[in-house]
N, C-alpha and C. Protein backbone atom coordinates (compact mmCIF):
# COMPACT_ATOMS: atom_id res chain seq x y z
N MET A 1 -15.83 11.02 -4.19
CA MET A 1 -16.63 10.22 -3.98
C MET A 1 -17.95 9.60 -4.32
N ASP A 2 -17.47 9.21 -4.60
CA ASP A 2 -18.44 8.34 -5.01
C ASP A 2 -20.51 8.50 -5.74
N SER A 3 -21.11 9.17 -5.60
CA SER A 3 -21.93 9.99 -4.66
C SER A 3 -23.71 9.31 -4.60
N ALA A 4 -23.64 7.55 -4.93
CA ALA A 4 -24.27 6.36 -3.82
C ALA A 4 -23.90 6.71 -2.81
N LEU A 5 -22.57 6.02 -2.92
CA LEU A 5 -21.74 5.76 -1.77
C LEU A 5 -21.76 7.02 -1.01
N LEU A 6 -21.80 8.63 -1.02
CA LEU A 6 -22.00 9.68 0.06
C LEU A 6 -23.23 9.42 0.81
N ALA A 7 -24.25 9.02 -0.50
CA ALA A 7 -26.18 9.49 0.21
C ALA A 7 -26.08 8.20 1.08
N ALA A 8 -25.65 6.63 0.08
CA ALA A 8 -25.07 6.04 2.10
C ALA A 8 -24.87 5.93 3.27
N LEU A 9 -23.71 6.34 3.46
CA LEU A 9 -22.74 7.59 4.07
C LEU A 9 -23.44 8.08 5.26
N GLN A 10 -24.17 8.76 4.58
CA GLN A 10 -25.23 10.22 4.99
C GLN A 10 -26.97 9.50 6.22
N GLN A 11 -26.69 8.65 4.97
CA GLN A 11 -27.58 7.48 6.30
C GLN A 11 -27.64 7.62 7.72
N GLN A 12 -28.40 6.79 8.68
CA GLN A 12 -29.17 6.98 9.68
C GLN A 12 -27.53 5.98 10.33
N ALA A 13 -27.22 4.77 9.92
CA ALA A 13 -26.68 4.26 10.30
C ALA A 13 -26.61 3.23 8.98
N PRO A 14 -25.80 4.13 8.64
CA PRO A 14 -24.57 2.50 6.94
C PRO A 14 -24.08 2.54 7.16
N ALA A 15 -23.72 0.77 6.90
CA ALA A 15 -23.79 -0.46 7.25
C ALA A 15 -22.21 -0.46 5.70
N LEU A 16 -21.63 -0.03 6.56
CA LEU A 16 -19.54 0.12 6.36
C LEU A 16 -18.65 -1.15 6.47
N VAL A 17 -17.92 -1.37 5.38
CA VAL A 17 -16.98 -2.35 5.22
C VAL A 17 -15.73 -1.65 4.83
N LEU A 18 -14.54 -2.55 4.99
CA LEU A 18 -13.84 -2.19 5.20
C LEU A 18 -12.71 -3.26 3.69
N LEU A 19 -12.22 -3.33 2.45
CA LEU A 19 -11.65 -3.60 1.72
C LEU A 19 -10.48 -4.05 1.64
N VAL A 20 -9.34 -4.80 1.37
CA VAL A 20 -7.58 -4.67 1.94
C VAL A 20 -7.77 -5.90 0.37
N THR A 21 -6.44 -4.70 -0.07
CA THR A 21 -6.04 -5.66 -1.64
C THR A 21 -4.70 -5.76 -1.60
N ALA A 22 -4.08 -6.83 -0.78
CA ALA A 22 -2.87 -7.27 -1.58
C ALA A 22 -2.17 -8.13 -2.35
N GLU A 23 -1.64 -7.52 -3.32
CA GLU A 23 -0.60 -7.65 -5.33
C GLU A 23 0.57 -8.92 -4.93
N LEU A 24 0.31 -9.37 -3.96
CA LEU A 24 1.29 -10.22 -3.33
C LEU A 24 2.02 -11.36 -4.95
N PRO A 25 2.96 -11.27 -4.41
CA PRO A 25 4.26 -12.13 -6.15
C PRO A 25 3.07 -13.18 -5.94
N ASP A 26 3.58 -13.88 -5.02
CA ASP A 26 2.00 -15.75 -5.59
C ASP A 26 0.57 -15.68 -5.05
N HIS A 27 -0.31 -14.53 -4.75
CA HIS A 27 -1.45 -14.88 -4.64
C HIS A 27 -1.32 -12.92 -4.14
N THR A 28 -2.79 -12.90 -4.63
CA THR A 28 -3.90 -11.71 -4.32
C THR A 28 -5.31 -11.76 -3.33
N ILE A 29 -4.52 -11.09 -1.96
CA ILE A 29 -5.39 -11.56 -0.94
C ILE A 29 -6.29 -9.90 -1.43
N ARG A 30 -7.60 -10.69 -0.74
CA ARG A 30 -9.03 -9.85 -1.10
C ARG A 30 -9.58 -9.87 -0.03
N SER A 31 -9.58 -9.06 0.97
CA SER A 31 -9.76 -9.50 2.44
C SER A 31 -10.85 -8.10 2.69
N THR A 32 -11.73 -8.88 3.73
CA THR A 32 -13.23 -7.31 4.08
C THR A 32 -13.07 -7.51 5.49
N ASP A 33 -13.55 -6.65 6.16
CA ASP A 33 -13.20 -6.95 7.70
C ASP A 33 -15.14 -7.49 8.39
N GLY A 34 -15.34 -8.00 7.18
CA GLY A 34 -16.26 -9.58 7.71
C GLY A 34 -17.95 -9.88 6.86
N GLY A 35 -17.78 -10.61 7.30
CA GLY A 35 -18.77 -12.47 6.33
C GLY A 35 -18.30 -11.46 4.65
N PHE A 36 -19.13 -11.03 3.33
CA PHE A 36 -18.25 -11.01 2.20
C PHE A 36 -19.05 -10.52 1.36
N VAL A 37 -18.30 -9.59 0.44
CA VAL A 37 -19.17 -8.71 -0.32
C VAL A 37 -17.88 -8.73 -2.18
N VAL A 38 -18.98 -9.15 -3.15
CA VAL A 38 -18.23 -8.95 -3.98
C VAL A 38 -17.41 -7.48 -4.41
N TRP A 39 -17.10 -7.40 -5.39
CA TRP A 39 -16.69 -5.35 -5.69
C TRP A 39 -16.37 -5.68 -7.22
N GLY A 40 -17.33 -5.70 -8.09
CA GLY A 40 -16.89 -6.03 -9.83
C GLY A 40 -17.59 -7.17 -9.95
N SER A 41 -15.85 -7.84 -9.96
CA SER A 41 -15.65 -9.34 -10.82
C SER A 41 -15.43 -10.45 -9.27
N GLU A 42 -14.69 -9.54 -7.99
CA GLU A 42 -13.65 -9.94 -6.69
C GLU A 42 -14.13 -10.20 -5.83
N MET A 43 -14.73 -10.77 -5.74
CA MET A 43 -14.91 -11.84 -4.14
C MET A 43 -13.99 -11.37 -3.22
N TYR A 44 -14.02 -10.59 -2.19
CA TYR A 44 -13.64 -9.96 -0.68
C TYR A 44 -14.80 -11.10 0.41
N GLU A 45 -13.58 -11.92 1.30
CA GLU A 45 -14.29 -12.34 2.22
C GLU A 45 -13.38 -11.95 3.93
N ALA A 46 -13.98 -11.92 4.30
CA ALA A 46 -13.18 -12.15 5.85
C ALA A 46 -11.74 -13.02 6.08
N ARG A 47 -11.64 -14.28 5.80
CA ARG A 47 -10.92 -15.12 5.26
C ARG A 47 -10.59 -15.16 4.64
N ASP A 48 -9.06 -14.82 4.40
CA ASP A 48 -8.82 -15.48 2.80
C ASP A 48 -7.52 -16.66 3.25
N GLU A 49 -7.92 -18.03 1.82
CA GLU A 49 -7.55 -19.68 1.99
C GLU A 49 -5.94 -19.70 2.37
N VAL A 50 -5.37 -18.65 2.16
CA VAL A 50 -4.03 -18.80 2.01
C VAL A 50 -3.52 -18.09 3.52
N TYR A 51 -3.80 -16.99 3.42
CA TYR A 51 -2.70 -16.04 4.83
C TYR A 51 -3.33 -15.24 5.47
N GLY A 52 -4.56 -16.06 5.61
CA GLY A 52 -6.10 -15.83 7.39
C GLY A 52 -6.52 -14.82 6.92
N VAL A 53 -6.30 -14.22 8.00
CA VAL A 53 -7.00 -13.20 8.29
C VAL A 53 -6.66 -11.64 8.30
N VAL A 54 -7.57 -10.76 8.62
CA VAL A 54 -6.57 -8.86 8.18
C VAL A 54 -7.39 -9.05 9.42
N SER A 55 -6.60 -8.03 11.03
CA SER A 55 -7.06 -7.91 12.18
C SER A 55 -7.72 -6.81 12.65
N SER A 56 -6.27 -6.11 12.74
CA SER A 56 -6.77 -5.00 12.09
C SER A 56 -6.58 -4.13 11.38
N ILE A 57 -6.50 -2.50 10.84
CA ILE A 57 -5.48 -1.62 10.01
C ILE A 57 -6.12 0.08 11.18
N GLU A 58 -4.34 0.02 11.24
CA GLU A 58 -4.09 1.51 11.31
C GLU A 58 -5.05 2.07 11.07
N ASP A 59 -5.59 3.52 11.71
CA ASP A 59 -6.26 4.79 10.82
C ASP A 59 -4.79 5.47 9.96
N ILE A 60 -5.63 5.81 8.95
CA ILE A 60 -5.14 5.86 8.25
C ILE A 60 -4.69 7.59 8.23
N GLU A 61 -3.53 8.39 8.51
CA GLU A 61 -3.34 10.15 8.75
C GLU A 61 -2.57 10.76 7.65
N ASP A 62 -2.86 11.68 7.38
CA ASP A 62 -1.72 12.26 6.75
C ASP A 62 -0.94 12.55 7.50
N GLY A 63 0.97 12.36 6.68
CA GLY A 63 1.69 12.65 7.81
C GLY A 63 1.44 13.96 8.12
N ALA A 64 3.07 14.76 9.04
CA ALA A 64 3.38 15.68 9.46
C ALA A 64 5.15 16.34 9.68
N ASP A 65 4.66 17.55 9.40
CA ASP A 65 6.45 17.40 9.83
C ASP A 65 7.28 16.83 8.95
N GLY A 66 7.35 17.09 7.97
CA GLY A 66 7.67 16.11 6.85
C GLY A 66 7.75 14.99 7.34
N GLN A 67 7.18 14.02 7.66
CA GLN A 67 6.46 12.33 7.48
C GLN A 67 6.18 11.87 6.90
N ALA A 68 5.83 11.50 6.25
CA ALA A 68 4.63 10.64 5.51
C ALA A 68 3.84 9.11 5.59
N THR A 69 2.52 9.47 5.55
CA THR A 69 1.64 8.37 5.78
C THR A 69 2.69 7.54 6.20
N ARG A 70 2.27 6.16 7.06
CA ARG A 70 1.93 5.12 7.92
C ARG A 70 1.29 4.29 7.67
N CYS A 71 1.16 2.94 7.83
CA CYS A 71 -0.17 2.52 8.72
C CYS A 71 0.02 0.96 8.28
N ALA A 72 -0.38 0.50 9.72
CA ALA A 72 0.21 -0.70 9.47
C ALA A 72 -1.66 -1.80 10.08
N ILE A 73 -1.18 -2.72 8.81
CA ILE A 73 -1.80 -3.42 9.19
C ILE A 73 -1.29 -4.96 9.68
N THR A 74 -2.20 -6.00 10.74
CA THR A 74 -2.40 -6.89 11.66
C THR A 74 -2.61 -8.03 11.32
N MET A 75 -1.69 -8.89 9.78
CA MET A 75 -2.81 -10.05 10.10
C MET A 75 -2.28 -11.21 10.58
N LEU A 76 -2.94 -11.72 10.96
CA LEU A 76 -3.61 -13.63 11.84
C LEU A 76 -3.33 -14.77 10.77
N PRO A 77 -2.25 -14.33 10.54
CA PRO A 77 -1.77 -16.36 9.05
C PRO A 77 -2.21 -17.23 10.17
N PRO A 78 -2.74 -17.91 9.23
CA PRO A 78 -3.32 -19.33 9.82
C PRO A 78 -1.81 -20.54 10.06
N ASP A 79 -0.64 -20.58 10.16
CA ASP A 79 0.32 -20.87 10.48
C ASP A 79 1.36 -20.71 9.77
N ASP A 80 2.58 -21.52 10.29
CA ASP A 80 4.57 -20.58 9.93
C ASP A 80 4.21 -20.37 8.73
N VAL A 81 4.53 -20.91 7.88
CA VAL A 81 4.61 -20.76 5.97
C VAL A 81 3.57 -19.44 5.89
N ALA A 82 2.30 -19.60 6.43
CA ALA A 82 1.97 -18.31 5.52
C ALA A 82 2.35 -16.96 6.29
N MET A 83 2.94 -16.64 7.75
CA MET A 83 3.39 -16.00 8.32
C MET A 83 5.05 -15.70 7.44
N ALA A 84 5.94 -16.66 7.65
CA ALA A 84 7.52 -16.21 7.15
C ALA A 84 7.64 -15.95 5.71
N GLN A 85 5.79 -16.19 5.22
CA GLN A 85 6.06 -15.94 2.96
C GLN A 85 5.79 -14.30 3.59
N LEU A 86 4.60 -14.14 4.83
CA LEU A 86 4.18 -12.13 4.04
C LEU A 86 5.60 -11.85 4.97
N ALA A 87 6.29 -12.79 5.91
CA ALA A 87 7.53 -11.99 5.80
C ALA A 87 8.64 -11.62 5.30
N SER A 88 8.42 -12.07 3.87
CA SER A 88 9.88 -12.40 2.98
C SER A 88 9.99 -11.27 2.92
N PRO A 89 11.47 -10.73 2.11
CA PRO A 89 12.00 -9.88 1.96
C PRO A 89 11.02 -10.39 0.08
N ALA A 90 10.51 -11.28 -0.30
CA ALA A 90 9.75 -11.03 -2.12
C ALA A 90 8.76 -10.66 -2.06
N ALA A 91 7.89 -10.35 -0.07
CA ALA A 91 6.25 -9.76 -0.62
C ALA A 91 6.99 -8.24 -0.17
N GLN A 92 7.87 -7.79 -0.30
CA GLN A 92 8.29 -6.45 0.66
C GLN A 92 7.76 -5.33 -0.99
N GLY A 93 7.29 -4.99 -0.85
CA GLY A 93 7.46 -3.26 -2.44
C GLY A 93 5.46 -3.94 -2.69
N ALA A 94 4.87 -5.37 -2.58
CA ALA A 94 3.98 -5.74 -2.39
C ALA A 94 3.02 -4.09 -2.24
N PRO A 95 2.08 -3.66 -3.67
CA PRO A 95 1.35 -2.72 -3.06
C PRO A 95 -0.24 -3.26 -2.58
N ILE A 96 -0.21 -2.64 -1.72
CA ILE A 96 -1.50 -3.08 -0.98
C ILE A 96 -2.52 -1.70 -0.84
N THR A 97 -3.63 -1.47 -1.06
CA THR A 97 -5.07 -0.89 -1.46
C THR A 97 -5.98 -0.73 -0.01
N VAL A 98 -6.71 -0.05 0.16
CA VAL A 98 -7.93 0.20 1.54
C VAL A 98 -8.68 0.55 0.56
N HIS A 99 -9.95 -0.07 1.18
CA HIS A 99 -11.39 0.79 0.12
C HIS A 99 -11.84 1.37 1.09
N LEU A 100 -13.38 2.08 1.03
CA LEU A 100 -13.90 2.26 2.80
C LEU A 100 -15.75 2.34 1.74
N GLY A 101 -16.85 1.12 1.56
CA GLY A 101 -17.44 0.67 0.72
C GLY A 101 -19.18 0.83 1.97
N SER A 102 -19.53 0.76 1.35
CA SER A 102 -21.59 0.58 2.17
C SER A 102 -21.71 -0.73 1.54
N VAL A 103 -23.36 -1.19 2.11
CA VAL A 103 -23.48 -2.68 1.84
C VAL A 103 -24.86 -1.91 2.25
N ASP A 104 -25.64 -2.29 1.13
CA ASP A 104 -27.04 -2.41 1.13
C ASP A 104 -27.17 -3.28 2.35
N ARG A 105 -28.33 -2.65 3.51
CA ARG A 105 -27.98 -4.23 3.84
C ARG A 105 -29.38 -5.54 3.56
N LEU A 106 -30.19 -4.58 2.68
CA LEU A 106 -31.43 -5.40 2.18
C LEU A 106 -31.10 -6.77 1.03
N THR A 107 -30.41 -6.53 0.73
CA THR A 107 -29.31 -6.50 -0.64
C THR A 107 -27.77 -7.26 -0.79
N GLY A 108 -27.65 -7.26 -0.17
CA GLY A 108 -26.11 -8.15 0.56
C GLY A 108 -24.91 -7.30 -1.03
N LEU A 109 -25.62 -5.66 -1.70
CA LEU A 109 -24.21 -5.61 -2.73
C LEU A 109 -24.22 -3.60 -2.22
N MET A 110 -22.57 -4.32 -3.40
CA MET A 110 -22.25 -2.42 -3.20
C MET A 110 -22.90 -1.72 -3.03
N VAL A 111 -22.85 -0.24 -2.45
CA VAL A 111 -23.48 0.84 -2.79
C VAL A 111 -22.79 2.05 -3.79
N GLY A 112 -22.38 1.55 -4.43
CA GLY A 112 -21.30 2.31 -5.28
C GLY A 112 -20.08 1.93 -5.94
N GLU A 113 -19.24 3.27 -6.21
CA GLU A 113 -17.76 2.55 -5.80
C GLU A 113 -17.38 3.20 -4.44
N PRO A 114 -16.89 1.67 -4.09
CA PRO A 114 -15.70 2.16 -2.90
C PRO A 114 -14.43 3.70 -3.09
N ASP A 115 -14.63 3.63 -1.91
CA ASP A 115 -13.87 5.43 -2.41
C ASP A 115 -12.37 4.65 -1.16
N LEU A 116 -10.84 5.20 -1.84
CA LEU A 116 -9.93 4.93 -2.15
C LEU A 116 -9.11 5.63 -1.05
N LEU A 117 -8.91 5.02 0.07
CA LEU A 117 -8.55 5.56 1.45
C LEU A 117 -6.84 5.91 1.98
N ALA A 118 -5.94 4.19 1.07
CA ALA A 118 -4.63 4.51 0.97
C ALA A 118 -4.62 3.05 0.07
N ARG A 119 -2.98 3.94 -0.73
CA ARG A 119 -2.27 3.12 -1.41
C ARG A 119 -0.86 3.31 -1.14
N LEU A 120 -0.84 1.89 -0.46
CA LEU A 120 0.22 1.11 0.31
C LEU A 120 1.22 0.31 -1.11
N GLU A 121 2.24 0.46 0.03
CA GLU A 121 3.58 -0.53 -0.45
C GLU A 121 4.23 -1.39 0.46
N LEU A 122 3.62 -2.54 0.97
CA LEU A 122 4.59 -3.65 2.23
C LEU A 122 6.08 -3.56 1.86
N ASP A 123 6.22 -2.73 3.43
CA ASP A 123 6.85 -2.37 3.58
C ASP A 123 7.88 -3.73 4.60
N TYR A 124 7.56 -4.15 5.54
CA TYR A 124 8.11 -5.82 6.15
C TYR A 124 7.17 -5.22 7.35
N GLY A 125 7.47 -7.39 7.98
CA GLY A 125 6.40 -7.31 8.87
C GLY A 125 7.62 -7.61 9.99
N ARG A 126 6.21 -7.40 11.32
CA ARG A 126 6.82 -7.42 12.06
C ARG A 126 5.84 -8.52 13.19
N LEU A 127 6.98 -9.68 14.09
CA LEU A 127 6.33 -10.51 14.45
C LEU A 127 5.57 -9.85 16.39
N GLY A 128 3.93 -9.80 16.38
CA GLY A 128 3.08 -9.21 17.05
C GLY A 128 2.83 -10.48 18.18
N VAL A 129 3.49 -9.99 18.79
CA VAL A 129 3.59 -11.43 20.95
C VAL A 129 2.50 -11.03 21.43
N GLY A 130 1.33 -11.11 21.64
CA GLY A 130 0.13 -11.75 22.79
C GLY A 130 0.09 -12.81 23.68
N GLU A 131 -1.88 -13.08 22.79
CA GLU A 131 -2.57 -14.09 24.04
C GLU A 131 -1.92 -15.11 22.47
N GLY A 132 -2.22 -14.63 20.91
CA GLY A 132 -1.57 -15.59 19.84
C GLY A 132 -0.76 -15.00 19.17
N TRP A 133 -0.78 -15.78 18.01
CA TRP A 133 0.86 -14.87 17.18
C TRP A 133 0.50 -14.11 16.61
N SER A 134 0.45 -13.16 15.69
CA SER A 134 0.17 -11.97 14.68
C SER A 134 1.24 -11.56 13.81
N LEU A 135 0.75 -10.71 12.38
CA LEU A 135 1.32 -10.79 12.01
C LEU A 135 1.47 -8.79 11.74
N VAL A 136 2.75 -8.18 12.13
CA VAL A 136 2.19 -6.92 11.54
C VAL A 136 3.22 -6.21 10.16
N LEU A 137 1.71 -5.84 9.29
CA LEU A 137 2.79 -5.96 7.93
C LEU A 137 2.75 -3.83 8.14
N GLU A 138 3.90 -3.08 8.40
CA GLU A 138 3.88 -1.89 8.08
C GLU A 138 4.38 -1.93 6.68
N ASN A 139 3.02 -0.65 6.34
CA ASN A 139 3.21 0.25 4.64
C ASN A 139 4.10 1.41 5.29
N GLY A 140 4.01 1.93 3.64
CA GLY A 140 4.47 3.29 3.48
C GLY A 140 3.97 3.06 1.95
N THR A 141 4.17 4.77 1.71
CA THR A 141 3.31 4.99 0.90
C THR A 141 4.95 5.96 -0.51
N GLU A 142 3.84 5.87 -1.39
CA GLU A 142 5.02 6.79 -2.62
C GLU A 142 5.26 8.16 -2.14
N GLU A 143 4.47 8.65 -1.19
CA GLU A 143 5.16 9.64 -0.45
C GLU A 143 6.42 9.84 0.34
N ALA A 144 6.35 8.73 0.64
CA ALA A 144 7.32 8.17 1.68
C ALA A 144 8.64 7.59 1.58
N ARG A 145 8.36 6.74 -0.15
CA ARG A 145 9.73 6.10 -1.10
C ARG A 145 10.48 7.63 -1.55
N GLN A 146 9.88 9.44 -1.71
CA GLN A 146 9.83 10.46 -2.06
C GLN A 146 10.16 11.28 -1.20
N LEU A 147 10.56 10.86 0.26
CA LEU A 147 11.09 11.62 0.85
C LEU A 147 12.33 11.12 1.02
N GLU A 148 12.90 9.13 0.17
CA GLU A 148 14.12 8.50 1.12
C GLU A 148 15.22 9.13 0.07
N LEU A 149 16.52 9.65 0.70
CA LEU A 149 17.38 10.17 0.08
C LEU A 149 18.04 9.89 -0.53
N ASN A 150 18.80 10.01 -1.77
CA ASN A 150 18.98 9.16 -3.20
C ASN A 150 20.25 10.10 -2.93
N ALA A 151 21.43 10.01 -1.37
CA ALA A 151 22.62 9.96 -1.62
C ALA A 151 23.54 9.40 -3.09
N ASP A 152 23.55 8.38 -3.66
CA ASP A 152 24.45 7.12 -4.56
C ASP A 152 23.98 8.12 -5.83
N GLN A 153 23.20 8.81 -6.04
CA GLN A 153 22.97 9.46 -7.82
C GLN A 153 22.96 10.78 -7.58
N ARG A 154 23.83 10.56 -9.31
CA ARG A 154 25.39 11.79 -9.23
C ARG A 154 25.44 12.17 -10.02
N LEU A 155 24.36 13.13 -10.99
CA LEU A 155 25.31 14.18 -12.07
C LEU A 155 25.83 13.41 -12.85
N SER A 156 26.39 12.62 -13.33
CA SER A 156 28.13 11.85 -13.51
C SER A 156 27.97 10.86 -14.02
N ASP A 157 29.24 10.60 -15.56
CA ASP A 157 29.10 10.04 -16.25
C ASP A 157 28.84 8.35 -16.44
N SER A 158 29.46 8.42 -14.54
CA SER A 158 29.39 6.87 -14.81
C SER A 158 28.16 6.09 -14.32
N TYR A 159 27.66 7.44 -13.59
CA TYR A 159 26.29 6.73 -12.54
C TYR A 159 25.68 7.56 -14.39
N HIS A 160 25.42 8.27 -14.47
CA HIS A 160 24.76 7.81 -16.04
C HIS A 160 24.92 6.88 -16.65
N LYS A 161 26.23 6.09 -16.44
CA LYS A 161 25.19 4.56 -17.51
C LYS A 161 25.30 3.16 -16.61
N THR A 162 25.08 3.83 -15.73
CA THR A 162 24.56 2.39 -14.71
C THR A 162 22.59 2.68 -14.92
N ILE A 163 22.19 3.43 -15.23
CA ILE A 163 21.02 3.71 -15.30
C ILE A 163 20.75 3.40 -16.92
N TRP A 164 21.31 3.68 -17.80
CA TRP A 164 21.31 3.98 -19.77
C TRP A 164 22.73 3.35 -19.80
N THR A 165 22.86 2.25 -19.80
CA THR A 165 23.81 0.96 -20.80
C THR A 165 24.81 1.59 -21.65
N GLY A 166 25.50 1.74 -22.04
CA GLY A 166 26.39 2.04 -23.70
C GLY A 166 25.74 3.98 -23.85
N GLU A 167 24.99 4.80 -23.45
CA GLU A 167 24.50 6.02 -23.71
C GLU A 167 25.58 6.55 -23.39
N ARG A 168 26.28 7.38 -23.98
CA ARG A 168 27.47 7.97 -24.05
C ARG A 168 26.76 9.85 -23.58
N GLY A 169 26.09 9.63 -22.90
CA GLY A 169 25.13 11.70 -22.87
C GLY A 169 26.30 12.54 -22.48
N LEU A 170 26.93 11.97 -21.28
CA LEU A 170 27.40 13.38 -19.70
C LEU A 170 29.09 12.48 -20.05
N GLU A 171 29.24 12.15 -21.90
CA GLU A 171 30.74 11.43 -21.57
C GLU A 171 32.52 12.62 -21.70
N ASN A 172 31.19 13.48 -22.56
CA ASN A 172 32.31 14.38 -23.07
C ASN A 172 31.77 16.31 -22.53
N VAL A 173 30.88 16.06 -21.26
CA VAL A 173 30.45 17.13 -20.34
C VAL A 173 30.92 17.51 -19.26
N THR A 174 31.84 18.78 -19.25
CA THR A 174 32.81 19.16 -19.08
C THR A 174 32.88 19.78 -17.52
N ALA A 175 31.26 20.93 -16.98
CA ALA A 175 30.60 21.47 -16.34
C ALA A 175 29.78 20.95 -15.42
N VAL A 176 29.43 19.54 -14.49
CA VAL A 176 28.93 19.40 -14.57
C VAL A 176 28.70 18.59 -12.40
N LYS A 177 30.33 19.22 -12.67
CA LYS A 177 30.64 19.51 -10.82
C LYS A 177 30.36 21.21 -10.23
N ARG A 178 29.71 21.78 -11.72
CA ARG A 178 29.81 22.88 -11.42
C ARG A 178 27.86 22.76 -10.79
N LYS A 179 27.44 23.96 -9.59
CA LYS A 179 26.21 23.85 -9.12
C LYS A 179 24.86 24.64 -10.10
N ILE A 180 23.89 23.64 -10.08
CA ILE A 180 23.50 24.70 -11.28
C ILE A 180 22.11 24.28 -10.35
N HIS A 181 21.22 25.51 -10.18
CA HIS A 181 20.13 26.22 -9.64
C HIS A 181 19.80 26.08 -10.85
N TRP A 182 18.62 25.31 -9.62
CA TRP A 182 16.31 25.03 -10.87
C TRP A 182 15.91 26.15 -10.79
N GLN A 183 15.96 26.03 -12.88
CA GLN A 183 15.19 27.49 -13.02
C GLN A 183 16.25 28.95 -12.18
N TYR A 184 16.68 28.45 -12.67
CA TYR A 184 17.80 29.28 -12.12
C TYR A 184 18.00 30.45 -13.83
N LYS A 185 18.78 31.97 -13.81
CA LYS A 185 18.60 32.73 -15.53
C LYS A 185 19.63 32.86 -16.28
N ARG A 186 20.10 32.68 -16.09
CA ARG A 186 21.87 33.02 -16.14
C ARG A 186 22.09 34.27 -17.71
């Protein structure tokens, strides 16, 4: 954590700010949980002109017992078109980052460098129904990807050629059916 940010967080009543960046295929959302903040050369605002407002961010907790970290971000899109674009398959996999920062109350400037809380990936959107419409963006992490089963991947010539077309590295290999344990000394 940046030393200036750490010092600001240790003050009696720090002005905390969450910065959400979502890099969608057609637009980058730079949202904050209130007002506006300039970080580097980018402006973070409470309302994105295309996709609306970040209403809430679920607590970011480490996964436990073989589960990966997940985090839901609730959006309040301004119209049905924005909601459909956020929930579309084209948006899946979009990188999302959440940073925690502090703002100097006198100058309105960021104090130090914001701390990265989560590096996420948009998984899917689900409709939230209550007093109004909302879209809950369910997000996974890189560690969640690593826990996915890769049942289709095999040490075989045919699978090898699907990845490296024209490469003939496993074409004449005969012992690929034998189980080879990692770091096994023969």
